[in-house]
Amino acid sequence: MTVSVAELDAMPAAHAVELLASCCGSPKWVTNMLTRRPFGSRDALLAAADEVWLSLHPDDWREAFAHHPRIGERTGATPQTARGQAWSAGEQADMDSAGERLRQGLAEANREYEARFGYVYIVCATGKTAEEMLALARARLANDPDTELVTAAREQQKITHLRLEKLLR
């Protein structure tokens, strides 16, 4: 199901919450987006999405991260909407053809990343090969925690944009 910006602006809050939550798992982001309605245009909605995201506390970012499955897996620590699960599967589509050695490498990188930073490895997987995602994970393990949190937040912001674009017609 796709919606126009006008439909999103006019729909009951409960329905809008469900649609927005499929784009970003932070309840505070969803709530703040609701207060911004009506958006009036796609550009205004996307700008609001960025403004709200950047205004959030890092704990809100981590909450959004928890909705994502690890690269190579299907479910996250916090359940996503059915739409969010389908989008995640599509975003990680290259993992379906990844060999066992690559899958094991990503599983190991996921564990190292979570042990180092305390949250799931977030990468905008759309258009990336499994090899690229593994290389990025390994490179990002060298980041200090503050740098990595900002990097992960930027990746989440990209994912949210892509999902908003999928939601809108």
N, C-alpha and C. Protein backbone atom coordinates (compact mmCIF):
# COMPACT_ATOMS: atom_id res chain seq x y z
N MET A 1 0.83 -1.18 0.00
CA MET A 1 0.00 0.00 0.00
C MET A 1 0.88 1.25 0.00
N THR A 2 0.63 2.12 -0.91
CA THR A 2 1.29 3.41 -0.93
C THR A 2 0.22 4.48 -0.71
N VAL A 3 0.66 5.62 -0.24
CA VAL A 3 -0.26 6.73 0.02
C VAL A 3 0.33 8.01 -0.54
N SER A 4 -0.53 8.95 -0.80
CA SER A 4 -0.06 10.28 -1.17
C SER A 4 0.22 11.06 0.11
N VAL A 5 0.94 12.15 0.00
CA VAL A 5 1.19 13.00 1.16
C VAL A 5 -0.14 13.54 1.69
N ALA A 6 -1.04 13.90 0.80
CA ALA A 6 -2.35 14.40 1.22
C ALA A 6 -3.11 13.35 2.03
N GLU A 7 -3.03 12.09 1.59
CA GLU A 7 -3.70 11.02 2.34
C GLU A 7 -3.06 10.83 3.71
N LEU A 8 -1.75 10.87 3.77
CA LEU A 8 -1.06 10.74 5.05
C LEU A 8 -1.42 11.90 5.97
N ASP A 9 -1.50 13.08 5.40
CA ASP A 9 -1.87 14.26 6.19
C ASP A 9 -3.27 14.14 6.78
N ALA A 10 -4.20 13.53 6.04
CA ALA A 10 -5.60 13.51 6.44
C ALA A 10 -6.02 12.26 7.22
N MET A 11 -5.23 11.22 7.20
CA MET A 11 -5.68 9.96 7.82
C MET A 11 -5.68 10.05 9.34
N PRO A 12 -6.47 9.18 9.97
CA PRO A 12 -6.48 9.15 11.43
C PRO A 12 -5.08 8.88 11.98
N ALA A 13 -4.79 9.45 13.13
CA ALA A 13 -3.46 9.34 13.72
C ALA A 13 -3.01 7.89 13.89
N ALA A 14 -3.91 7.01 14.30
CA ALA A 14 -3.53 5.61 14.53
C ALA A 14 -3.00 4.96 13.26
N HIS A 15 -3.62 5.26 12.14
CA HIS A 15 -3.18 4.69 10.87
C HIS A 15 -1.84 5.32 10.45
N ALA A 16 -1.71 6.62 10.64
CA ALA A 16 -0.46 7.31 10.30
C ALA A 16 0.69 6.78 11.16
N VAL A 17 0.42 6.49 12.43
CA VAL A 17 1.44 5.94 13.32
C VAL A 17 1.95 4.63 12.76
N GLU A 18 1.05 3.77 12.34
CA GLU A 18 1.45 2.47 11.79
C GLU A 18 2.33 2.64 10.56
N LEU A 19 1.95 3.53 9.66
CA LEU A 19 2.73 3.73 8.44
C LEU A 19 4.09 4.34 8.74
N LEU A 20 4.12 5.35 9.59
CA LEU A 20 5.39 5.99 9.92
C LEU A 20 6.31 5.06 10.69
N ALA A 21 5.74 4.23 11.57
CA ALA A 21 6.55 3.27 12.34
C ALA A 21 7.20 2.24 11.44
N SER A 22 6.63 1.98 10.29
CA SER A 22 7.27 1.05 9.36
C SER A 22 8.49 1.69 8.69
N CYS A 23 8.59 3.00 8.76
CA CYS A 23 9.72 3.71 8.17
C CYS A 23 10.85 3.95 9.17
N CYS A 24 10.49 4.10 10.45
CA CYS A 24 11.48 4.34 11.50
C CYS A 24 10.93 3.82 12.81
N GLY A 25 11.71 3.03 13.52
CA GLY A 25 11.25 2.38 14.73
C GLY A 25 11.30 3.22 16.00
N SER A 26 11.68 4.48 15.91
CA SER A 26 11.71 5.33 17.10
C SER A 26 10.31 5.87 17.37
N PRO A 27 9.69 5.48 18.49
CA PRO A 27 8.37 6.03 18.80
C PRO A 27 8.37 7.55 18.91
N LYS A 28 9.46 8.13 19.41
CA LYS A 28 9.52 9.59 19.53
C LYS A 28 9.56 10.24 18.14
N TRP A 29 10.28 9.61 17.20
CA TRP A 29 10.30 10.13 15.83
C TRP A 29 8.89 10.09 15.25
N VAL A 30 8.19 8.99 15.43
CA VAL A 30 6.83 8.85 14.91
C VAL A 30 5.92 9.91 15.53
N THR A 31 5.97 10.05 16.84
CA THR A 31 5.12 11.04 17.53
C THR A 31 5.41 12.45 17.04
N ASN A 32 6.69 12.78 16.92
CA ASN A 32 7.06 14.13 16.47
C ASN A 32 6.67 14.36 15.01
N MET A 33 6.73 13.31 14.20
CA MET A 33 6.27 13.44 12.81
C MET A 33 4.76 13.70 12.77
N LEU A 34 4.01 13.04 13.63
CA LEU A 34 2.56 13.28 13.67
C LEU A 34 2.25 14.73 13.98
N THR A 35 3.00 15.32 14.89
CA THR A 35 2.74 16.71 15.27
C THR A 35 3.08 17.68 14.15
N ARG A 36 3.86 17.24 13.19
CA ARG A 36 4.25 18.10 12.05
C ARG A 36 3.20 18.12 10.95
N ARG A 37 2.24 17.18 11.01
CA ARG A 37 1.23 17.15 9.95
C ARG A 37 0.39 18.42 10.01
N PRO A 38 -0.10 18.93 8.92
CA PRO A 38 0.04 18.41 7.57
C PRO A 38 1.38 18.83 6.94
N PHE A 39 1.92 17.93 6.15
CA PHE A 39 3.18 18.20 5.48
C PHE A 39 2.97 19.00 4.21
N GLY A 40 1.94 18.65 3.47
CA GLY A 40 1.61 19.39 2.25
C GLY A 40 2.34 18.93 1.01
N SER A 41 3.58 18.47 1.17
CA SER A 41 4.35 18.03 0.00
C SER A 41 5.36 16.97 0.43
N ARG A 42 5.82 16.23 -0.56
CA ARG A 42 6.85 15.22 -0.34
C ARG A 42 8.11 15.86 0.22
N ASP A 43 8.53 16.97 -0.36
CA ASP A 43 9.74 17.64 0.10
C ASP A 43 9.62 18.09 1.56
N ALA A 44 8.45 18.61 1.93
CA ALA A 44 8.24 19.05 3.31
C ALA A 44 8.26 17.86 4.26
N LEU A 45 7.67 16.75 3.85
CA LEU A 45 7.67 15.54 4.68
C LEU A 45 9.10 15.04 4.88
N LEU A 46 9.88 14.96 3.81
CA LEU A 46 11.26 14.47 3.92
C LEU A 46 12.12 15.42 4.75
N ALA A 47 11.90 16.71 4.60
CA ALA A 47 12.63 17.68 5.42
C ALA A 47 12.27 17.53 6.89
N ALA A 48 10.98 17.34 7.16
CA ALA A 48 10.54 17.13 8.55
C ALA A 48 11.16 15.86 9.11
N ALA A 49 11.21 14.81 8.31
CA ALA A 49 11.81 13.54 8.76
C ALA A 49 13.25 13.76 9.21
N ASP A 50 14.00 14.54 8.44
CA ASP A 50 15.39 14.82 8.80
C ASP A 50 15.48 15.69 10.06
N GLU A 51 14.67 16.74 10.10
CA GLU A 51 14.71 17.65 11.25
C GLU A 51 14.36 16.91 12.54
N VAL A 52 13.31 16.10 12.47
CA VAL A 52 12.91 15.34 13.66
C VAL A 52 14.01 14.36 14.05
N TRP A 53 14.54 13.62 13.07
CA TRP A 53 15.58 12.64 13.37
C TRP A 53 16.78 13.29 14.06
N LEU A 54 17.23 14.41 13.51
CA LEU A 54 18.42 15.07 14.05
C LEU A 54 18.16 15.72 15.42
N SER A 55 16.89 15.94 15.75
CA SER A 55 16.55 16.54 17.05
C SER A 55 16.46 15.51 18.17
N LEU A 56 16.48 14.23 17.82
CA LEU A 56 16.29 13.18 18.82
C LEU A 56 17.55 12.94 19.65
N HIS A 57 17.34 12.38 20.80
CA HIS A 57 18.43 11.98 21.70
C HIS A 57 19.04 10.68 21.18
N PRO A 58 20.31 10.45 21.40
CA PRO A 58 20.92 9.18 20.97
C PRO A 58 20.18 7.93 21.46
N ASP A 59 19.54 7.99 22.62
CA ASP A 59 18.75 6.83 23.07
C ASP A 59 17.60 6.54 22.12
N ASP A 60 17.01 7.58 21.54
CA ASP A 60 15.94 7.40 20.55
C ASP A 60 16.51 6.77 19.28
N TRP A 61 17.71 7.16 18.92
CA TRP A 61 18.36 6.55 17.75
C TRP A 61 18.56 5.06 18.00
N ARG A 62 19.08 4.74 19.18
CA ARG A 62 19.33 3.32 19.51
C ARG A 62 18.02 2.52 19.51
N GLU A 63 16.96 3.15 19.95
CA GLU A 63 15.66 2.48 19.93
C GLU A 63 15.24 2.16 18.49
N ALA A 64 15.49 3.08 17.58
CA ALA A 64 15.19 2.83 16.17
C ALA A 64 16.07 1.70 15.64
N PHE A 65 17.34 1.70 16.01
CA PHE A 65 18.26 0.65 15.55
C PHE A 65 17.76 -0.74 15.95
N ALA A 66 17.19 -0.84 17.15
CA ALA A 66 16.75 -2.14 17.67
C ALA A 66 15.66 -2.79 16.82
N HIS A 67 15.00 -2.02 15.98
CA HIS A 67 13.95 -2.56 15.12
C HIS A 67 14.52 -3.26 13.89
N HIS A 68 15.79 -3.10 13.65
CA HIS A 68 16.42 -3.69 12.46
C HIS A 68 17.00 -5.06 12.77
N PRO A 69 16.82 -5.99 11.86
CA PRO A 69 17.49 -7.27 12.04
C PRO A 69 18.98 -7.10 11.76
N ARG A 70 19.77 -7.99 12.34
CA ARG A 70 21.19 -8.01 11.99
C ARG A 70 21.29 -8.31 10.50
N ILE A 71 22.35 -7.81 9.88
CA ILE A 71 22.57 -8.13 8.47
C ILE A 71 22.67 -9.65 8.35
N GLY A 72 21.86 -10.20 7.46
CA GLY A 72 21.84 -11.65 7.26
C GLY A 72 20.75 -12.35 8.05
N GLU A 73 20.01 -11.61 8.90
CA GLU A 73 18.92 -12.20 9.67
C GLU A 73 17.60 -11.56 9.25
N ARG A 74 16.49 -12.10 9.75
CA ARG A 74 15.17 -11.63 9.33
C ARG A 74 14.43 -10.80 10.36
N THR A 75 14.77 -10.93 11.65
CA THR A 75 14.03 -10.19 12.67
C THR A 75 15.01 -9.46 13.59
N GLY A 76 14.55 -8.33 14.10
CA GLY A 76 15.35 -7.53 15.01
C GLY A 76 14.98 -7.82 16.45
N ALA A 77 15.67 -7.17 17.37
CA ALA A 77 15.40 -7.35 18.79
C ALA A 77 14.00 -6.86 19.15
N THR A 78 13.57 -5.80 18.49
CA THR A 78 12.23 -5.25 18.67
C THR A 78 11.47 -5.49 17.39
N PRO A 79 10.27 -6.06 17.48
CA PRO A 79 9.52 -6.39 16.26
C PRO A 79 9.23 -5.16 15.39
N GLN A 80 9.34 -5.35 14.10
CA GLN A 80 8.96 -4.34 13.12
C GLN A 80 7.53 -4.62 12.67
N THR A 81 6.95 -3.67 11.99
CA THR A 81 5.67 -3.91 11.34
C THR A 81 5.90 -4.91 10.21
N ALA A 82 4.84 -5.51 9.71
CA ALA A 82 4.96 -6.44 8.58
C ALA A 82 5.58 -5.73 7.39
N ARG A 83 5.19 -4.49 7.17
CA ARG A 83 5.74 -3.71 6.06
C ARG A 83 7.24 -3.49 6.27
N GLY A 84 7.64 -3.14 7.50
CA GLY A 84 9.05 -2.94 7.81
C GLY A 84 9.86 -4.21 7.61
N GLN A 85 9.29 -5.36 7.99
CA GLN A 85 9.99 -6.64 7.78
C GLN A 85 10.18 -6.90 6.30
N ALA A 86 9.15 -6.65 5.51
CA ALA A 86 9.25 -6.87 4.07
C ALA A 86 10.30 -5.94 3.46
N TRP A 87 10.30 -4.69 3.90
CA TRP A 87 11.30 -3.76 3.37
C TRP A 87 12.71 -4.18 3.78
N SER A 88 12.88 -4.62 5.02
CA SER A 88 14.20 -5.09 5.47
C SER A 88 14.69 -6.24 4.61
N ALA A 89 13.79 -7.18 4.35
CA ALA A 89 14.18 -8.34 3.52
C ALA A 89 14.61 -7.88 2.14
N GLY A 90 13.90 -6.92 1.56
CA GLY A 90 14.28 -6.40 0.25
C GLY A 90 15.59 -5.64 0.28
N GLU A 91 15.80 -4.89 1.36
CA GLU A 91 17.03 -4.11 1.49
C GLU A 91 18.25 -5.02 1.62
N GLN A 92 18.07 -6.18 2.20
CA GLN A 92 19.17 -7.12 2.39
C GLN A 92 19.12 -8.25 1.35
N ALA A 93 18.48 -8.03 0.24
CA ALA A 93 18.25 -9.09 -0.75
C ALA A 93 19.54 -9.77 -1.19
N ASP A 94 20.63 -9.06 -1.23
CA ASP A 94 21.88 -9.68 -1.69
C ASP A 94 22.36 -10.78 -0.74
N MET A 95 21.91 -10.74 0.49
CA MET A 95 22.31 -11.77 1.46
C MET A 95 21.75 -13.14 1.08
N ASP A 96 20.66 -13.18 0.34
CA ASP A 96 20.05 -14.45 -0.05
C ASP A 96 20.99 -15.30 -0.89
N SER A 97 21.87 -14.65 -1.63
CA SER A 97 22.79 -15.40 -2.49
C SER A 97 24.21 -15.47 -1.93
N ALA A 98 24.40 -14.95 -0.72
CA ALA A 98 25.73 -14.96 -0.12
C ALA A 98 26.12 -16.38 0.30
N GLY A 99 27.37 -16.72 0.10
CA GLY A 99 27.88 -18.03 0.49
C GLY A 99 28.02 -18.14 2.00
N GLU A 100 28.22 -19.36 2.45
CA GLU A 100 28.30 -19.64 3.89
C GLU A 100 29.46 -18.89 4.55
N ARG A 101 30.59 -18.83 3.89
CA ARG A 101 31.75 -18.13 4.47
C ARG A 101 31.46 -16.65 4.69
N LEU A 102 30.80 -16.04 3.72
CA LEU A 102 30.44 -14.63 3.84
C LEU A 102 29.40 -14.43 4.94
N ARG A 103 28.43 -15.34 5.01
CA ARG A 103 27.41 -15.27 6.07
C ARG A 103 28.05 -15.38 7.46
N GLN A 104 29.01 -16.27 7.58
CA GLN A 104 29.70 -16.43 8.86
C GLN A 104 30.52 -15.18 9.20
N GLY A 105 31.15 -14.60 8.17
CA GLY A 105 31.90 -13.36 8.39
C GLY A 105 31.02 -12.23 8.87
N LEU A 106 29.83 -12.12 8.28
CA LEU A 106 28.89 -11.08 8.71
C LEU A 106 28.35 -11.36 10.11
N ALA A 107 28.07 -12.62 10.41
CA ALA A 107 27.60 -12.96 11.75
C ALA A 107 28.66 -12.59 12.79
N GLU A 108 29.92 -12.87 12.48
CA GLU A 108 31.01 -12.52 13.39
C GLU A 108 31.15 -11.01 13.52
N ALA A 109 31.07 -10.29 12.39
CA ALA A 109 31.16 -8.83 12.43
C ALA A 109 29.99 -8.24 13.22
N ASN A 110 28.80 -8.81 13.06
CA ASN A 110 27.63 -8.35 13.83
C ASN A 110 27.90 -8.50 15.33
N ARG A 111 28.43 -9.66 15.74
CA ARG A 111 28.70 -9.90 17.16
C ARG A 111 29.76 -8.92 17.69
N GLU A 112 30.82 -8.73 16.93
CA GLU A 112 31.88 -7.80 17.35
C GLU A 112 31.35 -6.38 17.46
N TYR A 113 30.56 -5.99 16.48
CA TYR A 113 30.00 -4.65 16.46
C TYR A 113 29.11 -4.42 17.68
N GLU A 114 28.22 -5.36 17.95
CA GLU A 114 27.32 -5.21 19.09
C GLU A 114 28.08 -5.20 20.41
N ALA A 115 29.12 -6.02 20.52
CA ALA A 115 29.92 -6.04 21.73
C ALA A 115 30.65 -4.71 21.92
N ARG A 116 31.11 -4.14 20.83
CA ARG A 116 31.86 -2.88 20.92
C ARG A 116 30.97 -1.67 21.15
N PHE A 117 29.83 -1.61 20.43
CA PHE A 117 29.01 -0.40 20.45
C PHE A 117 27.69 -0.53 21.22
N GLY A 118 27.23 -1.75 21.45
CA GLY A 118 26.01 -1.93 22.25
C GLY A 118 24.71 -1.89 21.48
N TYR A 119 24.78 -1.89 20.17
CA TYR A 119 23.58 -1.92 19.34
C TYR A 119 23.91 -2.60 18.02
N VAL A 120 22.85 -2.96 17.30
CA VAL A 120 22.99 -3.69 16.05
C VAL A 120 23.71 -2.83 14.99
N TYR A 121 24.49 -3.48 14.17
CA TYR A 121 25.18 -2.82 13.05
C TYR A 121 24.13 -2.31 12.07
N ILE A 122 24.09 -1.01 11.89
CA ILE A 122 23.13 -0.36 10.99
C ILE A 122 23.87 0.12 9.76
N VAL A 123 23.39 -0.34 8.61
CA VAL A 123 23.93 0.12 7.34
C VAL A 123 22.76 0.18 6.36
N CYS A 124 22.73 1.19 5.54
CA CYS A 124 21.73 1.26 4.49
C CYS A 124 22.15 0.25 3.43
N ALA A 125 21.52 -0.92 3.49
CA ALA A 125 21.95 -2.06 2.68
C ALA A 125 21.48 -2.00 1.23
N THR A 126 20.53 -1.16 0.94
CA THR A 126 20.00 -1.08 -0.41
C THR A 126 21.11 -0.80 -1.42
N GLY A 127 21.23 -1.68 -2.40
CA GLY A 127 22.22 -1.51 -3.45
C GLY A 127 23.62 -1.97 -3.08
N LYS A 128 23.80 -2.49 -1.88
CA LYS A 128 25.12 -2.96 -1.46
C LYS A 128 25.18 -4.48 -1.52
N THR A 129 26.32 -4.97 -1.91
CA THR A 129 26.52 -6.42 -1.91
C THR A 129 26.85 -6.87 -0.49
N ALA A 130 26.75 -8.16 -0.26
CA ALA A 130 27.11 -8.71 1.04
C ALA A 130 28.58 -8.40 1.35
N GLU A 131 29.42 -8.48 0.33
CA GLU A 131 30.85 -8.18 0.52
C GLU A 131 31.05 -6.74 0.97
N GLU A 132 30.31 -5.82 0.34
CA GLU A 132 30.42 -4.41 0.73
C GLU A 132 29.96 -4.18 2.16
N MET A 133 28.85 -4.82 2.54
CA MET A 133 28.35 -4.66 3.90
C MET A 133 29.34 -5.19 4.93
N LEU A 134 29.98 -6.31 4.62
CA LEU A 134 30.98 -6.87 5.53
C LEU A 134 32.19 -5.95 5.63
N ALA A 135 32.66 -5.46 4.49
CA ALA A 135 33.81 -4.54 4.51
C ALA A 135 33.50 -3.28 5.30
N LEU A 136 32.31 -2.74 5.14
CA LEU A 136 31.91 -1.56 5.90
C LEU A 136 31.86 -1.85 7.39
N ALA A 137 31.30 -3.00 7.76
CA ALA A 137 31.23 -3.37 9.18
C ALA A 137 32.62 -3.44 9.78
N ARG A 138 33.52 -4.10 9.07
CA ARG A 138 34.89 -4.23 9.59
C ARG A 138 35.58 -2.87 9.71
N ALA A 139 35.37 -2.01 8.73
CA ALA A 139 35.97 -0.68 8.78
C ALA A 139 35.39 0.15 9.92
N ARG A 140 34.09 0.04 10.12
CA ARG A 140 33.44 0.85 11.16
C ARG A 140 33.77 0.36 12.56
N LEU A 141 34.22 -0.87 12.70
CA LEU A 141 34.65 -1.36 14.02
C LEU A 141 35.83 -0.54 14.56
N ALA A 142 36.56 0.13 13.68
CA ALA A 142 37.70 0.94 14.10
C ALA A 142 37.27 2.33 14.62
N ASN A 143 36.00 2.68 14.42
CA ASN A 143 35.52 3.98 14.88
C ASN A 143 35.46 4.04 16.40
N ASP A 144 35.62 5.24 16.94
CA ASP A 144 35.35 5.42 18.37
C ASP A 144 33.83 5.44 18.55
N PRO A 145 33.33 5.16 19.76
CA PRO A 145 31.88 5.06 19.95
C PRO A 145 31.07 6.29 19.53
N ASP A 146 31.57 7.48 19.80
CA ASP A 146 30.82 8.68 19.43
C ASP A 146 30.73 8.84 17.92
N THR A 147 31.83 8.61 17.23
CA THR A 147 31.84 8.70 15.77
C THR A 147 30.90 7.65 15.17
N GLU A 148 30.96 6.45 15.72
CA GLU A 148 30.12 5.37 15.18
C GLU A 148 28.65 5.62 15.41
N LEU A 149 28.29 6.19 16.55
CA LEU A 149 26.87 6.48 16.80
C LEU A 149 26.35 7.46 15.75
N VAL A 150 27.11 8.47 15.43
CA VAL A 150 26.70 9.44 14.41
C VAL A 150 26.64 8.76 13.04
N THR A 151 27.60 7.90 12.74
CA THR A 151 27.60 7.17 11.47
C THR A 151 26.36 6.29 11.37
N ALA A 152 26.06 5.54 12.42
CA ALA A 152 24.88 4.67 12.42
C ALA A 152 23.60 5.50 12.29
N ALA A 153 23.56 6.64 12.96
CA ALA A 153 22.37 7.51 12.86
C ALA A 153 22.17 8.01 11.43
N ARG A 154 23.26 8.33 10.75
CA ARG A 154 23.16 8.76 9.34
C ARG A 154 22.65 7.62 8.46
N GLU A 155 23.10 6.40 8.76
CA GLU A 155 22.62 5.24 7.99
C GLU A 155 21.13 5.03 8.23
N GLN A 156 20.69 5.16 9.49
CA GLN A 156 19.26 5.05 9.79
C GLN A 156 18.48 6.13 9.06
N GLN A 157 19.01 7.33 9.01
CA GLN A 157 18.35 8.43 8.31
C GLN A 157 18.16 8.09 6.83
N LYS A 158 19.17 7.48 6.21
CA LYS A 158 19.06 7.06 4.81
C LYS A 158 17.97 5.99 4.65
N ILE A 159 17.96 5.03 5.57
CA ILE A 159 16.96 3.96 5.52
C ILE A 159 15.56 4.56 5.64
N THR A 160 15.40 5.47 6.57
CA THR A 160 14.09 6.11 6.77
C THR A 160 13.65 6.83 5.50
N HIS A 161 14.56 7.54 4.87
CA HIS A 161 14.22 8.24 3.61
C HIS A 161 13.76 7.25 2.55
N LEU A 162 14.54 6.17 2.38
CA LEU A 162 14.17 5.18 1.36
C LEU A 162 12.79 4.59 1.64
N ARG A 163 12.52 4.32 2.90
CA ARG A 163 11.22 3.75 3.26
C ARG A 163 10.09 4.76 3.08
N LEU A 164 10.33 6.00 3.39
CA LEU A 164 9.31 7.02 3.14
C LEU A 164 9.02 7.10 1.64
N GLU A 165 10.06 7.04 0.84
CA GLU A 165 9.87 7.07 -0.62
C GLU A 165 9.06 5.85 -1.10
N LYS A 166 9.27 4.69 -0.49
CA LYS A 166 8.49 3.49 -0.84
C LYS A 166 7.05 3.64 -0.41
N LEU A 167 6.83 4.32 0.70
CA LEU A 167 5.49 4.50 1.25
C LEU A 167 4.66 5.46 0.40
N LEU A 168 5.30 6.49 -0.11
CA LEU A 168 4.60 7.55 -0.83
C LEU A 168 4.46 7.24 -2.31
N ARG A 169 3.33 7.64 -2.87
CA ARG A 169 3.19 7.53 -4.32
C ARG A 169 3.30 8.88 -4.94
